[in-house]
Each structure stands twice: as C-alpha cells, then as structure tokens.
Amino acid sequence: MNRLLLVAAAVALSAGPALAAGPSKCTTAPKSKWQPEAKLEAQLKSEGLKVRQIKVENGCYEVYATDKAGKRTNMAFNAETLQKLDNPEAGED
C-alpha cells in the first residue's frame, strides 16, 4: 500500500509543472481572443531574437527568427496565450 502511495505521489509531482504550464497546443479560440503578433514580436526582441517572419498556422503563431549569433530558429506559440510550444511545427497539418 505504501509503495502505491509513493508511486502516485511521484506521478503527481512530476505532472505538476506540465499541468501548471497549461495546454501545450494551438488555440481553438476565435481570433478576437488572440494576442497581437506585435506583442509576441516585442517579447522575442526583448529576449535578443531578430524576428524574420511570423505566420499564422491553425491557432498558432509560427515564428522564424535568428538569435544574437545569427543562428536561425523556428518556434511555435499558442496565439491566445503566447505560450511557447514544445513542437515548432505545432500548427502545421
């Protein structure tokens, strides 16, 4: 019984950060609820990235940028929350 409780506690603790971060997928909310692209671009610029392009892909903003060293990067963000998603191709079919 104690082993079961320990396993359950370990699972709950490891899932905590993932649950706290919210959904890690594109939004299904109407565009009127989305954050403006300019807000995302300003956020990324403040992090030292140079935004080359932002595309809308099925409820996600797909961002093409370069870092301070000139390395290209591709990221996806939930358009409603501007949460960065794990999969840079999240909005693509």
C-alpha atoms as a PDB file:
ATOM      1  CA  MET A   1       0.000   0.000   0.000  1.00  0.00           C
ATOM      2  CA  ASN A   2       2.822   2.385   0.871  1.00  0.00           C
ATOM      3  CA  ARG A   3       4.549   1.644  -2.421  1.00  0.00           C
ATOM      4  CA  LEU A   4       1.359   2.547  -4.308  1.00  0.00           C
ATOM      5  CA  LEU A   5       1.109   5.845  -2.449  1.00  0.00           C
ATOM      6  CA  LEU A   6       4.744   6.652  -3.199  1.00  0.00           C
ATOM      7  CA  VAL A   7       4.269   5.920  -6.898  1.00  0.00           C
ATOM      8  CA  ALA A   8       1.098   8.019  -7.016  1.00  0.00           C
ATOM      9  CA  ALA A   9       2.873  10.903  -5.275  1.00  0.00           C
ATOM     10  CA  ALA A  10       5.816  10.705  -7.676  1.00  0.00           C
ATOM     11  CA  VAL A  11       3.486  10.783 -10.682  1.00  0.00           C
ATOM     12  CA  ALA A  12       1.561  13.744  -9.283  1.00  0.00           C
ATOM     13  CA  LEU A  13       4.736  15.699  -8.578  1.00  0.00           C
ATOM     14  CA  SER A  14       6.233  15.037 -11.988  1.00  0.00           C
ATOM     15  CA  ALA A  15       2.992  16.062 -13.734  1.00  0.00           C
ATOM     16  CA  GLY A  16       2.717  19.272 -11.725  1.00  0.00           C
ATOM     17  CA  PRO A  17       4.891  21.506 -13.926  1.00  0.00           C
ATOM     18  CA  ALA A  18       3.220  20.252 -17.094  1.00  0.00           C
ATOM     19  CA  LEU A  19      -0.233  20.893 -15.702  1.00  0.00           C
ATOM     20  CA  ALA A  20       0.730  24.318 -14.388  1.00  0.00           C
ATOM     21  CA  ALA A  21       2.021  25.388 -17.783  1.00  0.00           C
ATOM     22  CA  GLY A  22      -1.410  24.902 -19.331  1.00  0.00           C
ATOM     23  CA  PRO A  23      -2.196  23.446 -22.713  1.00  0.00           C
ATOM     24  CA  SER A  24       0.786  22.978 -24.994  1.00  0.00           C
ATOM     25  CA  LYS A  25      -1.109  23.130 -28.241  1.00  0.00           C
ATOM     26  CA  CYS A  26      -2.569  25.655 -30.628  1.00  0.00           C
ATOM     27  CA  THR A  27      -5.663  27.562 -29.581  1.00  0.00           C
ATOM     28  CA  THR A  28      -9.174  26.925 -30.802  1.00  0.00           C
ATOM     29  CA  ALA A  29     -10.377  30.309 -29.536  1.00  0.00           C
ATOM     30  CA  PRO A  30     -11.743  32.854 -32.019  1.00  0.00           C
ATOM     31  CA  LYS A  31      -9.216  35.342 -33.422  1.00  0.00           C
ATOM     32  CA  SER A  32     -10.787  38.098 -31.326  1.00  0.00           C
ATOM     33  CA  LYS A  33      -9.264  36.375 -28.261  1.00  0.00           C
ATOM     34  CA  TRP A  34      -5.751  36.111 -29.733  1.00  0.00           C
ATOM     35  CA  GLN A  35      -2.814  38.205 -28.589  1.00  0.00           C
ATOM     36  CA  PRO A  36      -1.473  40.590 -31.262  1.00  0.00           C
ATOM     37  CA  GLU A  37       1.509  39.422 -33.298  1.00  0.00           C
ATOM     38  CA  ALA A  38       3.264  42.680 -32.399  1.00  0.00           C
ATOM     39  CA  LYS A  39       3.192  41.726 -28.710  1.00  0.00           C
ATOM     40  CA  LEU A  40       4.898  38.401 -29.473  1.00  0.00           C
ATOM     41  CA  GLU A  41       7.446  40.116 -31.695  1.00  0.00           C
ATOM     42  CA  ALA A  42       8.274  42.653 -28.966  1.00  0.00           C
ATOM     43  CA  GLN A  43       8.632  39.845 -26.420  1.00  0.00           C
ATOM     44  CA  LEU A  44      11.044  37.963 -28.673  1.00  0.00           C
ATOM     45  CA  LYS A  45      13.059  41.097 -29.475  1.00  0.00           C
ATOM     46  CA  SER A  46      13.464  41.743 -25.750  1.00  0.00           C
ATOM     47  CA  GLU A  47      14.950  38.228 -25.500  1.00  0.00           C
ATOM     48  CA  GLY A  48      17.550  39.154 -28.137  1.00  0.00           C
ATOM     49  CA  LEU A  49      15.935  37.479 -31.139  1.00  0.00           C
ATOM     50  CA  LYS A  50      15.534  39.089 -34.534  1.00  0.00           C
ATOM     51  CA  VAL A  51      12.149  38.079 -35.924  1.00  0.00           C
ATOM     52  CA  ARG A  52      12.246  37.349 -39.642  1.00  0.00           C
ATOM     53  CA  GLN A  53       8.630  36.202 -40.083  1.00  0.00           C
ATOM     54  CA  ILE A  54       5.514  35.308 -38.100  1.00  0.00           C
ATOM     55  CA  LYS A  55       2.968  33.038 -39.769  1.00  0.00           C
ATOM     56  CA  VAL A  56      -0.471  32.024 -38.539  1.00  0.00           C
ATOM     57  CA  GLU A  57      -0.886  28.230 -38.578  1.00  0.00           C
ATOM     58  CA  ASN A  58      -4.132  26.716 -37.217  1.00  0.00           C
ATOM     59  CA  GLY A  59      -4.291  28.690 -33.960  1.00  0.00           C
ATOM     60  CA  CYS A  60      -0.533  29.048 -33.560  1.00  0.00           C
ATOM     61  CA  TYR A  61       1.968  31.727 -34.385  1.00  0.00           C
ATOM     62  CA  GLU A  62       4.909  30.093 -36.131  1.00  0.00           C
ATOM     63  CA  VAL A  63       7.978  32.265 -35.726  1.00  0.00           C
ATOM     64  CA  TYR A  64      11.143  32.283 -37.813  1.00  0.00           C
ATOM     65  CA  ALA A  65      13.911  34.222 -36.097  1.00  0.00           C
ATOM     66  CA  THR A  66      17.655  34.475 -35.608  1.00  0.00           C
ATOM     67  CA  ASP A  67      19.494  34.710 -32.300  1.00  0.00           C
ATOM     68  CA  LYS A  68      22.349  37.073 -31.421  1.00  0.00           C
ATOM     69  CA  ALA A  69      24.871  34.704 -33.027  1.00  0.00           C
ATOM     70  CA  GLY A  70      22.871  34.649 -36.272  1.00  0.00           C
ATOM     71  CA  LYS A  71      21.621  31.089 -35.760  1.00  0.00           C
ATOM     72  CA  ARG A  72      18.181  30.515 -37.271  1.00  0.00           C
ATOM     73  CA  THR A  73      15.415  29.189 -35.072  1.00  0.00           C
ATOM     74  CA  ASN A  74      11.833  28.107 -35.633  1.00  0.00           C
ATOM     75  CA  MET A  75       9.287  28.281 -32.784  1.00  0.00           C
ATOM     76  CA  ALA A  76       5.542  27.949 -32.320  1.00  0.00           C
ATOM     77  CA  PHE A  77       3.375  29.835 -29.830  1.00  0.00           C
ATOM     78  CA  ASN A  78      -0.248  29.457 -28.794  1.00  0.00           C
ATOM     79  CA  ALA A  79      -1.878  32.523 -30.401  1.00  0.00           C
ATOM     80  CA  GLU A  80      -4.201  33.127 -27.441  1.00  0.00           C
ATOM     81  CA  THR A  81      -1.708  32.789 -24.571  1.00  0.00           C
ATOM     82  CA  LEU A  82       1.634  33.308 -26.369  1.00  0.00           C
ATOM     83  CA  GLN A  83       2.859  30.191 -24.580  1.00  0.00           C
ATOM     84  CA  LYS A  84       5.847  28.667 -26.379  1.00  0.00           C
ATOM     85  CA  LEU A  85       5.081  25.157 -27.563  1.00  0.00           C
ATOM     86  CA  ASP A  86       7.474  22.213 -27.500  1.00  0.00           C
ATOM     87  CA  ASN A  87       6.860  21.389 -31.161  1.00  0.00           C
ATOM     88  CA  PRO A  88       7.963  24.206 -33.532  1.00  0.00           C
ATOM     89  CA  GLU A  89       5.688  22.725 -36.209  1.00  0.00           C
ATOM     90  CA  ALA A  90       2.633  22.554 -33.908  1.00  0.00           C
ATOM     91  CA  GLY A  91       0.280  24.472 -36.179  1.00  0.00           C
ATOM     92  CA  GLU A  92       1.012  22.543 -39.330  1.00  0.00           C
ATOM     93  CA  ASP A  93      -1.296  19.806 -40.530  1.00  0.00           C
END
